[in-house]
């Protein structure tokens, strides 16, 4: 008896996943543990292993389809076994193994194809064609309306289009089309100077989240700078020490200082539940923006205010690597109470970070520039690091937002004292 492989649930909060690419096809023999296809959530990508052994009899969804978790995605069993009861929702499979009795007839026995039967139309008049069959028809330049449907509920499937390609369209229908094509003026096709690229699932999620953020919040950004002499000196000491301590970065120090400073500003360490309710967190669940090949991800350092500088440094590196490799759990990409986005290494002097909903604020960390100030009547240079705080003005006013960055700047300028607290 054929058995199904389902779409896994990649995390507690995930309801559906998008199929990335099928690595096995109908007719392939697979064993338990073989990778069948890749799939992705709006945050990360994964590989689905086969839970059954045998031949892939049918594939119910194609590349790019969004599939609810725990839904059957393919059928596996012995060659020729039936799998109709495994098809999700009674829909036709995107690809299935051809049946032996449907082998091509000898040329002499071929009959003229019939026009599409009325059963190929849905109730609203649309042609019922499986996505794989439609894609094949477009590539082959044939009209699937002239294929004789053999799929469930009068649906045109891939083998119907292949049969149409072998036999050709009815002469009465093909002639007018040929004449119309001949009447068209011929011209050299212009060379394509562009490429249309569909958004990935992660890119779609980022676009949706950013648009929602800007449309639903009263966002305002304050720009500040502080003297980075203290953290630069501490970084030099850490580097000289070597080992894990030697890997502590300026960004790690900013995360540590943020986790301690936020406790005195609860409206910034919060989520907007609705238009009239704010949820303040007792601990700092610090989101860290990470650039990955698939797009921006924001893993969370939970309870960052209870962790040492070295623990934060180790954890942020582990999370960033998992996010870039696509192996991170979606559960680690939610639950943040505040986010830090660091563009300092790219030379940005100031920017306007966009809040990660439902949070009330986000801190942008900028690069270091040399500035001048007067000390004892003399002009001196000092390293100034920029901080850009974007906050939701519905939850936080300008004065407390500015006081937070002032307090954060003081903690960073006296970083060794902060470590002693």
Protein backbone atom coordinates (compact mmCIF):
# COMPACT_ATOMS: atom_id res chain seq x y z
CA UNK A 1 0.00 0.00 0.00
CA UNK A 2 1.36 3.41 -1.00
CA UNK A 3 2.21 5.83 1.79
CA UNK A 4 2.54 9.62 1.92
CA UNK A 5 5.39 11.91 2.92
CA UNK A 6 4.05 15.05 4.62
CA UNK A 7 5.25 18.64 4.80
CA UNK A 8 7.11 18.92 8.14
CA UNK A 9 6.28 21.58 10.73
CA UNK A 10 9.45 23.64 10.97
CA UNK A 11 8.88 25.34 14.31
CA UNK A 12 6.02 25.95 16.70
CA UNK A 13 4.80 29.12 14.98
CA UNK A 14 5.06 27.86 11.37
CA UNK A 15 1.76 27.02 9.64
CA UNK A 16 2.95 26.48 6.05
CA UNK A 17 6.16 26.10 4.05
CA UNK A 18 7.18 26.78 0.45
CA UNK A 19 8.71 24.00 -1.63
CA UNK A 20 12.08 25.16 -2.92
CA UNK A 21 13.23 22.44 -5.31
CA UNK A 22 12.46 18.76 -5.83
CA UNK A 23 15.65 16.69 -5.76
CA UNK A 24 13.85 13.43 -6.61
CA UNK A 25 11.32 12.84 -9.38
CA UNK A 26 8.44 10.47 -10.10
CA UNK A 27 9.81 7.00 -10.78
CA UNK A 28 12.92 7.43 -8.62
CA UNK A 29 13.66 4.78 -6.01
CA UNK A 30 14.25 6.25 -2.56
CA UNK A 31 15.19 4.98 0.88
CA UNK A 32 14.31 6.30 4.32
CA UNK A 33 16.52 9.33 4.98
CA UNK A 34 17.03 10.30 1.32
CA UNK A 35 16.55 14.03 0.68
CA UNK A 36 13.38 14.47 -1.39
CA UNK A 37 13.13 18.26 -1.68
CA UNK A 38 14.12 21.54 -0.09
CA UNK A 39 11.57 23.78 1.57
CA UNK A 40 11.59 27.14 3.29
CA UNK A 41 9.61 29.18 5.77
CA UNK A 42 9.55 32.97 5.72
CA UNK A 43 12.76 32.78 7.77
CA UNK A 44 14.89 29.76 6.89
CA UNK A 45 15.34 26.85 4.49
CA UNK A 46 15.48 23.10 5.20
CA UNK A 47 15.72 19.68 3.54
CA UNK A 48 12.94 17.09 3.76
CA UNK A 49 14.03 13.49 4.26
CA UNK A 50 11.96 10.58 3.04
CA UNK A 51 10.08 8.73 5.76
CA UNK A 52 9.24 5.84 3.40
CA UNK A 53 11.08 3.44 1.10
CA UNK A 54 10.07 2.59 -2.46
CA UNK A 55 9.27 4.32 -5.74
CA UNK A 56 7.97 7.88 -5.91
CA UNK A 57 4.55 7.30 -7.45
CA UNK A 58 3.31 10.89 -7.51
CA UNK A 59 4.29 14.41 -6.50
CA UNK A 60 1.36 16.57 -5.42
CA UNK A 61 3.02 20.02 -5.40
CA UNK A 62 5.58 21.68 -7.64
CA UNK A 63 8.53 23.98 -6.92
CA UNK A 64 7.37 27.27 -5.41
CA UNK A 65 4.03 25.97 -4.06
CA UNK A 66 3.08 26.97 -0.52
CA UNK A 67 1.98 23.88 1.38
CA UNK A 68 0.30 23.73 4.82
CA UNK A 69 2.25 21.76 7.43
CA UNK A 70 1.32 18.06 7.75
CA UNK A 71 -0.13 18.01 4.19
CA UNK A 72 0.77 15.07 1.91
CA UNK A 73 3.37 16.19 -0.63
CA UNK A 74 4.09 12.92 -2.44
CA UNK A 75 3.23 9.23 -2.55
CA UNK A 76 5.79 6.43 -2.22
CA UNK A 77 5.23 2.70 -2.64
CA UNK A 78 5.63 -0.26 -4.97
CA UNK A 79 5.36 0.33 -8.71
CA UNK A 80 1.73 0.40 -9.83
CA UNK A 81 0.21 0.85 -6.37
CA UNK A 82 -2.79 3.15 -6.11
CA UNK A 83 -2.44 6.46 -4.25
CA UNK A 84 -5.75 8.24 -4.97
CA UNK A 85 -6.64 8.33 -1.27
CA UNK A 86 -3.38 10.20 -0.53
CA UNK A 87 -3.99 13.12 -2.88
CA UNK A 88 -4.59 16.18 -0.67
CA UNK A 89 -8.05 17.69 -1.07
CA UNK A 90 -8.83 15.46 -4.04
CA UNK A 91 -6.61 17.61 -6.29
CA UNK A 92 -4.67 16.12 -9.18
CA UNK A 93 -0.98 15.47 -8.51
CA UNK A 94 1.56 17.86 -10.03
CA UNK A 95 3.37 14.80 -11.44
CA UNK A 96 2.59 11.11 -11.44
CA UNK A 97 3.97 7.93 -12.93
CA UNK A 98 2.52 7.03 -16.35
CA UNK A 99 0.28 3.98 -16.48
CA UNK A 100 1.35 0.97 -18.53
CA UNK A 101 -1.90 0.81 -20.50
CA UNK A 102 -1.37 4.34 -21.75
CA UNK A 103 1.67 3.55 -23.89
CA UNK A 104 1.69 5.44 -27.24
CA UNK A 105 -0.28 3.74 -30.02
CA UNK A 106 1.35 2.83 -33.36
CA UNK A 107 1.29 5.66 -35.91
CA UNK A 108 -1.30 3.92 -38.02
CA UNK A 109 -3.65 3.54 -35.11
CA UNK A 110 -3.49 7.18 -34.00
CA UNK A 111 -6.77 9.04 -34.11
CA UNK A 112 -7.34 12.73 -34.55
CA UNK A 113 -7.45 14.41 -31.14
CA UNK A 114 -10.76 15.66 -29.92
CA UNK A 115 -11.47 19.16 -28.78
CA UNK A 116 -11.48 19.70 -25.03
CA UNK A 117 -14.52 18.13 -23.45
CA UNK A 118 -16.86 20.37 -21.46
CA UNK A 119 -15.73 18.53 -18.29
CA UNK A 120 -12.36 20.29 -18.53
CA UNK A 121 -14.01 23.53 -17.49
CA UNK A 122 -14.62 24.45 -13.86
CA UNK A 123 -17.91 25.97 -12.73
CA UNK A 124 -16.63 29.49 -13.41
CA UNK A 125 -15.60 28.52 -16.95
CA UNK A 126 -11.85 28.33 -16.31
CA UNK A 127 -9.91 25.47 -17.87
CA UNK A 128 -8.95 22.79 -15.33
CA UNK A 129 -5.24 22.17 -15.96
CA UNK A 130 -2.62 21.03 -13.46
CA UNK A 131 0.27 23.51 -12.97
CA UNK A 132 2.80 21.06 -14.40
CA UNK A 133 0.66 20.44 -17.47
CA UNK A 134 0.16 24.17 -18.02
CA UNK A 135 3.88 24.79 -17.75
CA UNK A 136 4.67 22.03 -20.30
CA UNK A 137 2.01 23.37 -22.69
CA UNK A 138 3.49 26.87 -22.55
CA UNK A 139 6.99 25.57 -23.27
CA UNK A 140 5.76 23.38 -26.15
CA UNK A 141 3.51 26.07 -27.62
CA UNK A 142 0.33 23.97 -27.58
CA UNK A 143 -3.13 24.84 -26.31
CA UNK A 144 -4.12 22.56 -23.39
CA UNK A 145 -7.78 23.18 -24.23
CA UNK A 146 -7.38 20.62 -27.07
CA UNK A 147 -5.97 17.92 -24.80
CA UNK A 148 -8.21 15.03 -23.80
CA UNK A 149 -8.32 15.13 -19.96
CA UNK A 150 -7.58 11.93 -18.04
CA UNK A 151 -6.93 13.43 -14.61
CA UNK A 152 -9.32 13.43 -11.64
CA UNK A 153 -12.52 15.43 -12.12
CA UNK A 154 -11.85 16.03 -15.80
CA UNK A 155 -8.53 17.79 -15.23
CA UNK A 156 -5.82 18.05 -17.90
CA UNK A 157 -2.58 16.65 -16.54
CA UNK A 158 0.95 16.38 -17.90
CA UNK A 159 0.53 13.14 -19.84
CA UNK A 160 -2.51 14.63 -21.64
CA UNK A 161 -0.37 17.52 -22.90
CA UNK A 162 2.38 15.11 -23.99
CA UNK A 163 -0.19 13.12 -25.96
CA UNK A 164 -1.40 16.32 -27.59
CA UNK A 165 2.19 17.16 -28.53
CA UNK A 166 2.52 13.76 -30.25
CA UNK A 167 -0.73 13.88 -32.17
CA UNK A 168 -0.98 17.60 -32.85
CA UNK A 169 -4.06 19.84 -32.78
CA UNK A 170 -7.09 19.16 -34.97
CA UNK A 171 -6.52 20.35 -38.50
CA UNK A 172 -9.64 22.55 -38.41
CA UNK A 173 -8.23 24.38 -35.44
CA UNK A 174 -4.57 24.39 -36.42
CA UNK A 175 -5.07 25.92 -39.88
CA UNK A 176 -6.52 29.29 -38.78
CA UNK A 177 -3.77 29.56 -36.17
CA UNK A 178 -1.10 28.85 -38.76
CA UNK A 179 -2.58 31.46 -41.13
CA UNK A 180 -2.71 34.01 -38.36
CA UNK A 181 0.90 33.31 -37.45
CA UNK A 182 1.98 33.63 -41.10
CA UNK A 183 0.25 36.99 -41.34
CA UNK A 184 2.29 38.42 -38.50
CA UNK A 185 5.31 40.51 -39.59
CA UNK A 186 8.63 38.92 -38.73
CA UNK A 187 11.22 40.88 -36.81
CA UNK A 188 14.40 40.03 -35.06
CA UNK A 189 13.82 39.49 -31.35
CA UNK A 190 15.63 42.18 -29.34
CA UNK A 191 18.36 40.98 -27.04
CA UNK A 192 17.19 40.83 -23.44
CA UNK A 193 18.98 43.42 -21.30
CA UNK A 194 17.23 42.53 -18.06
CA UNK A 195 16.18 39.59 -15.92
CA UNK A 196 12.90 39.12 -14.04
CA UNK A 197 13.49 37.40 -10.70
CA UNK A 198 10.66 36.23 -8.48
CA UNK A 199 10.92 37.00 -4.78
CA UNK A 200 11.85 34.06 -2.58
CA UNK A 201 9.62 33.20 0.37
CA UNK A 202 12.02 34.98 2.71
CA UNK A 203 12.17 38.08 0.50
CA UNK A 204 8.35 38.19 0.37
CA UNK A 205 8.19 37.98 4.16
CA UNK A 206 10.74 40.80 4.53
CA UNK A 207 8.84 43.01 2.07
CA UNK A 208 5.52 42.36 3.79
CA UNK A 209 6.93 42.98 7.27
CA UNK A 210 8.69 46.23 6.30
CA UNK A 211 5.64 47.63 4.50
CA UNK A 212 3.43 46.71 7.44
CA UNK A 213 5.89 48.34 9.81
CA UNK A 214 5.99 51.65 7.96
CA UNK A 215 2.25 51.74 7.32
CA UNK A 216 1.12 50.84 10.82
CA UNK A 217 3.51 52.79 13.07
CA UNK A 218 4.39 56.42 13.79
CA UNK A 219 8.14 55.96 13.31
CA UNK A 220 10.71 58.59 14.18
CA UNK A 221 14.54 58.35 14.23
CA UNK A 222 16.99 60.16 16.52
CA UNK A 223 20.69 60.23 15.61
CA UNK A 224 23.42 60.38 18.27
CA UNK A 225 27.18 59.81 18.59
CA UNK A 226 29.43 58.80 21.48
CA UNK A 227 33.16 58.64 22.15
CA UNK A 228 34.27 55.10 21.23
CA UNK A 229 37.70 55.42 22.87
CA UNK A 230 36.76 53.14 25.80
CA UNK A 231 35.36 50.26 23.75
CA UNK A 232 38.22 50.48 21.25
CA UNK A 233 40.73 50.17 24.10
CA UNK A 234 38.84 47.23 25.60
CA UNK A 235 38.64 45.55 22.21
CA UNK A 236 42.43 45.88 21.90
CA UNK A 237 42.84 44.17 25.30
CA UNK A 238 40.49 41.33 24.31
CA UNK A 239 42.29 40.77 21.03
CA UNK A 240 45.61 40.56 22.83
CA UNK A 241 44.17 37.98 25.26
CA UNK A 242 43.27 35.62 22.40
CA UNK A 243 40.93 32.61 22.58
CA UNK A 244 37.17 33.21 22.82
CA UNK A 245 37.83 36.53 24.53
CA UNK A 246 39.85 37.60 21.51
CA UNK A 247 36.73 37.21 19.36
CA UNK A 248 34.74 39.83 21.29
CA UNK A 249 33.87 42.65 18.88
CA UNK A 250 32.72 46.24 19.21
CA UNK A 251 29.29 45.03 18.12
CA UNK A 252 29.22 42.50 20.98
CA UNK A 253 29.96 45.31 23.43
CA UNK A 254 27.09 47.36 22.05
CA UNK A 255 24.73 44.39 22.46
CA UNK A 256 25.89 43.91 26.06
CA UNK A 257 25.41 47.61 26.87
CA UNK A 258 21.96 47.67 25.22
CA UNK A 259 20.83 44.64 27.25
CA UNK A 260 21.72 46.43 30.50
CA UNK A 261 20.48 49.91 29.57
CA UNK A 262 17.08 48.79 28.28
CA UNK A 263 15.98 47.59 31.72
CA UNK A 264 15.57 51.23 32.77
CA UNK A 265 13.42 52.04 29.71
CA UNK A 266 10.58 49.47 29.69
CA UNK A 267 8.57 51.14 26.92
CA UNK A 268 11.45 50.52 24.52
CA UNK A 269 11.82 46.89 25.64
CA UNK A 270 8.27 46.10 24.59
CA UNK A 271 5.80 44.91 21.96
CA UNK A 272 2.63 46.64 20.76
CA UNK A 273 -0.20 44.16 21.31
CA UNK A 274 -2.89 46.40 19.81
CA UNK A 275 -3.59 50.11 19.36
CA UNK A 276 -4.14 50.58 23.10
CA UNK A 277 -1.91 47.94 24.74
CA UNK A 278 1.85 47.64 25.18
CA UNK A 279 3.55 44.52 26.56
CA UNK A 280 6.64 45.28 28.65
CA UNK A 281 9.19 42.49 29.08
CA UNK A 282 10.96 41.77 32.37
CA UNK A 283 14.02 40.52 30.48
CA UNK A 284 15.69 41.70 27.29
CA UNK A 285 15.11 39.34 24.35
CA UNK A 286 17.57 40.95 21.99
CA UNK A 287 17.02 40.59 18.24
CA UNK A 288 20.17 40.88 16.12
CA UNK A 289 19.80 41.69 12.41
CA UNK A 290 21.90 39.29 10.29
CA UNK A 291 22.58 39.58 6.56
CA UNK A 292 22.26 36.16 4.86
CA UNK A 293 22.32 34.96 1.22
CA UNK A 294 18.51 34.62 1.42
CA UNK A 295 17.92 38.04 2.95
CA UNK A 296 17.71 39.73 6.33
CA UNK A 297 17.06 37.52 9.37
CA UNK A 298 16.70 38.53 13.02
CA UNK A 299 17.62 35.73 15.46
CA UNK A 300 16.97 36.37 19.15
CA UNK A 301 19.31 36.26 22.15
CA UNK A 302 16.79 35.41 24.86
CA UNK A 303 17.37 36.89 28.34
CA UNK A 304 20.40 38.78 27.09
CA UNK A 305 20.40 40.92 30.27
CA UNK A 306 21.32 37.82 32.32
CA UNK A 307 24.29 36.80 30.13
CA UNK A 308 27.91 37.87 30.29
CA UNK A 309 29.69 39.70 27.51
CA UNK A 310 31.48 36.50 26.51
CA UNK A 311 28.23 34.52 26.47
CA UNK A 312 26.57 37.13 24.27
CA UNK A 313 29.58 37.15 21.94
CA UNK A 314 29.50 33.36 21.55
CA UNK A 315 25.74 33.16 21.12
CA UNK A 316 25.44 35.89 18.50
CA UNK A 317 28.12 34.18 16.38
CA UNK A 318 26.36 30.81 16.67
CA UNK A 319 23.00 32.33 15.73
CA UNK A 320 24.46 34.27 12.80
CA UNK A 321 26.15 31.16 11.38
CA UNK A 322 22.95 29.12 11.72
CA UNK A 323 20.97 31.89 9.99
CA UNK A 324 23.42 32.14 7.10
CA UNK A 325 23.53 28.37 6.59
CA UNK A 326 19.72 28.11 6.66
CA UNK A 327 19.79 25.65 9.56
CA UNK A 328 18.35 27.97 12.20
CA UNK A 329 15.09 27.01 13.93
CA UNK A 330 12.22 29.42 13.17
CA UNK A 331 11.54 29.51 16.92
CA UNK A 332 14.81 31.43 17.34
CA UNK A 333 13.62 34.08 14.87
CA UNK A 334 10.67 35.28 16.95
CA UNK A 335 10.03 36.60 20.45
CA UNK A 336 12.34 39.62 20.35
CA UNK A 337 11.60 42.63 22.55
CA UNK A 338 14.15 44.98 20.91
CA UNK A 339 16.40 44.76 17.83
CA UNK A 340 19.91 45.97 17.01
CA UNK A 341 21.00 46.42 13.38
CA UNK A 342 24.73 46.99 12.89
CA UNK A 343 25.92 48.54 9.61
CA UNK A 344 29.11 50.00 11.05
CA UNK A 345 31.39 47.71 9.06
CA UNK A 346 29.95 49.05 5.79
CA UNK A 347 30.95 52.64 6.54
CA UNK A 348 27.42 53.94 7.23
CA UNK A 349 27.55 57.12 9.34
CA UNK A 350 23.81 57.26 10.08
CA UNK A 351 20.66 55.55 8.79
CA UNK A 352 16.98 55.03 9.55
CA UNK A 353 16.40 51.42 10.63
CA UNK A 354 12.85 50.12 10.27
CA UNK A 355 11.19 48.68 13.37
CA UNK A 356 10.65 44.93 13.46
CA UNK A 357 6.91 44.55 14.36
CA UNK A 358 5.48 44.24 16.97
CA UNK A 359 8.49 45.79 18.73
CA UNK A 360 8.43 49.47 19.66
CA UNK A 361 12.01 50.37 18.72
CA UNK A 362 15.20 49.38 16.91
CA UNK A 363 18.77 50.63 17.30
CA UNK A 364 21.01 51.20 14.29
CA UNK A 365 24.76 50.97 14.99
CA UNK A 366 26.89 53.04 12.62
CA UNK A 367 30.57 53.29 11.77
CA UNK A 368 33.31 55.24 13.57
CA UNK A 369 34.41 58.61 12.22
CA UNK A 370 37.01 61.05 13.49
CA UNK A 371 35.53 64.21 15.00
CA UNK A 372 36.98 67.22 16.78
CA UNK A 373 36.22 68.72 20.18
CA UNK A 374 37.79 71.24 22.50
CA UNK A 375 39.64 70.00 25.60
CA UNK A 376 41.38 72.48 27.89
CA UNK A 377 41.39 75.07 25.17
CA UNK A 378 42.84 72.70 22.56
CA UNK A 379 41.19 71.06 19.57
CA UNK A 380 41.51 67.25 19.66
CA UNK A 381 40.34 64.39 17.49
CA UNK A 382 38.29 61.53 18.94
CA UNK A 383 36.61 58.42 17.46
CA UNK A 384 32.84 59.00 17.28
CA UNK A 385 30.47 56.06 16.77
CA UNK A 386 26.94 56.78 15.51
CA UNK A 387 23.74 55.39 17.01
CA UNK A 388 20.38 55.74 15.24
CA UNK A 389 17.29 54.93 17.31
CA UNK A 390 13.97 54.48 15.51
CA UNK A 391 10.97 54.29 17.86
CA UNK A 392 7.21 54.07 17.60
CA UNK A 393 5.92 57.48 18.70
CA UNK A 394 2.62 55.91 19.73
CA UNK A 395 4.41 54.11 22.58
CA UNK A 396 7.47 56.28 23.23
CA UNK A 397 7.97 60.04 23.21
CA UNK A 398 11.07 61.81 21.99
CA UNK A 399 12.42 62.72 25.42
CA UNK A 400 12.59 59.19 26.94
CA UNK A 401 13.89 57.83 23.62
CA UNK A 402 16.72 60.38 23.66
CA UNK A 403 17.45 59.68 27.34
CA UNK A 404 17.85 55.99 26.51
CA UNK A 405 20.52 56.71 23.90
CA UNK A 406 22.21 59.16 26.30
CA UNK A 407 22.35 56.46 28.99
CA UNK A 408 23.55 53.88 26.46
CA UNK A 409 26.27 56.24 25.23
CA UNK A 410 27.44 56.85 28.80
CA UNK A 411 27.62 53.10 29.45
CA UNK A 412 29.67 52.59 26.30
CA UNK A 413 32.00 55.49 27.09
CA UNK A 414 32.58 53.95 30.54
CA UNK A 415 32.42 50.34 29.42
CA UNK A 416 34.75 48.84 32.03
CA UNK A 417 32.59 50.37 34.77
CA UNK A 418 29.50 48.83 33.18
CA UNK A 419 31.18 45.43 33.30
CA UNK A 420 31.79 45.89 37.01
CA UNK A 421 28.12 46.48 37.82
